[in-house]
Amino acid sequence: MAIKDKDSVNWYNKMHGNSTCTTVSKNDIINLSVSEDTIVKFVKDKYQKRSDIGILKYGKTLDRDDLTLEEWLNHLQEELMDATLYIEKILKEIKLL
């Protein structure tokens, strides 16, 4: 990945509260030694696959407008409740090791 213009660097600095970084001129290029974060790519791919499955299963995306805010919150609450059950299951398995 290369940041090729000072506007990109200035935007990054502003978003991350880094006002002490030197401003880069338009002709400067900052080459980063890492070109891709494989973990981020892996997670993004998983999100895309999950979205594809949801579209096939329900015929809808999260852009849907047929749910109220309360219904969205209920969905979130149910997902988080499931997550706590998964955590408890894993903790129980760890204790058995």
Protein backbone atom coordinates (compact mmCIF):
# COMPACT_ATOMS: atom_id res chain seq x y z
CA MET A 1 0.00 0.00 0.00
CA ALA A 2 1.28 3.45 -0.79
CA ILE A 3 -0.06 6.79 0.33
CA LYS A 4 0.55 9.01 -2.65
CA ASP A 5 -0.83 12.41 -1.77
CA LYS A 6 -0.72 14.76 1.16
CA ASP A 7 -4.51 14.94 1.36
CA SER A 8 -4.64 11.23 2.22
CA VAL A 9 -2.01 11.62 4.91
CA ASN A 10 -3.65 14.74 6.31
CA TRP A 11 -7.04 12.98 6.37
CA TYR A 12 -5.50 10.01 8.18
CA ASN A 13 -3.81 12.28 10.71
CA LYS A 14 -7.03 14.21 11.33
CA MET A 15 -9.07 11.01 11.78
CA HIS A 16 -6.51 9.56 14.20
CA GLY A 17 -5.77 12.74 16.13
CA ASN A 18 -2.15 12.84 14.99
CA SER A 19 -1.45 16.53 14.49
CA THR A 20 2.29 16.16 15.13
CA CYS A 21 3.01 14.19 11.96
CA THR A 22 4.91 16.01 9.24
CA THR A 23 2.82 17.03 6.26
CA VAL A 24 3.79 15.17 3.13
CA SER A 25 4.27 17.00 -0.14
CA LYS A 26 2.28 15.96 -3.22
CA ASN A 27 5.24 14.18 -4.81
CA ASP A 28 6.20 12.17 -1.74
CA ILE A 29 5.24 8.51 -1.52
CA ILE A 30 5.17 6.63 1.74
CA ASN A 31 5.75 2.94 1.13
CA LEU A 32 4.56 0.66 3.88
CA SER A 33 6.37 -2.63 4.34
CA VAL A 34 3.06 -4.48 4.68
CA SER A 35 0.85 -4.46 1.64
CA GLU A 36 -2.17 -6.24 3.09
CA ASP A 37 -3.50 -7.26 6.46
CA THR A 38 -4.41 -10.90 5.97
CA ILE A 39 -6.57 -11.00 9.09
CA VAL A 40 -8.66 -8.05 7.90
CA LYS A 41 -9.01 -9.64 4.46
CA PHE A 42 -10.07 -12.96 6.04
CA VAL A 43 -12.73 -11.24 8.18
CA LYS A 44 -13.99 -9.16 5.25
CA ASP A 45 -14.34 -12.33 3.18
CA LYS A 46 -16.30 -13.97 6.01
CA TYR A 47 -18.62 -10.96 6.20
CA GLN A 48 -19.21 -11.14 2.47
CA LYS A 49 -19.97 -14.88 2.60
CA ARG A 50 -22.34 -14.33 5.52
CA SER A 51 -24.10 -11.57 3.61
CA ASP A 52 -24.42 -13.78 0.54
CA ILE A 53 -25.93 -16.59 2.63
CA GLY A 54 -28.36 -14.17 4.29
CA ILE A 55 -29.49 -12.83 0.94
CA LEU A 56 -30.07 -16.35 -0.35
CA LYS A 57 -31.83 -17.45 2.83
CA TYR A 58 -34.01 -14.39 3.47
CA GLY A 59 -34.00 -12.56 0.13
CA LYS A 60 -33.07 -9.34 1.94
CA THR A 61 -30.07 -7.27 2.93
CA LEU A 62 -29.48 -5.06 5.94
CA ASP A 63 -30.67 -2.18 3.77
CA ARG A 64 -34.21 -3.40 4.42
CA ASP A 65 -36.67 -0.93 5.87
CA ASP A 66 -39.41 -3.25 7.09
CA LEU A 67 -38.21 -3.39 10.71
CA THR A 68 -38.58 -0.77 13.38
CA LEU A 69 -35.68 0.39 15.51
CA GLU A 70 -37.08 -1.66 18.37
CA GLU A 71 -37.17 -4.78 16.17
CA TRP A 72 -33.55 -4.20 15.14
CA LEU A 73 -32.61 -3.88 18.81
CA ASN A 74 -34.47 -7.11 19.61
CA HIS A 75 -32.51 -8.89 16.86
CA LEU A 76 -29.27 -7.52 18.31
CA GLN A 77 -30.25 -8.55 21.83
CA GLU A 78 -31.01 -12.11 20.66
CA GLU A 79 -27.65 -12.33 18.86
CA LEU A 80 -25.82 -11.10 21.95
CA MET A 81 -27.69 -13.57 24.13
CA ASP A 82 -26.56 -16.34 21.78
CA ALA A 83 -23.00 -15.04 22.06
CA THR A 84 -23.07 -15.32 25.86
CA LEU A 85 -24.22 -18.92 25.53
CA TYR A 86 -21.31 -19.68 23.17
CA ILE A 87 -18.91 -18.10 25.67
CA GLU A 88 -20.32 -20.19 28.50
CA LYS A 89 -20.00 -23.37 26.41
CA ILE A 90 -16.35 -22.60 25.60
CA LEU A 91 -15.55 -21.78 29.24
CA LYS A 92 -17.08 -25.09 30.30
CA GLU A 93 -14.99 -26.96 27.72
CA ILE A 94 -11.82 -25.18 28.87
CA LYS A 95 -12.49 -26.19 32.48
CA LEU A 96 -12.80 -29.82 31.39
CA LEU A 97 -9.35 -29.82 29.79
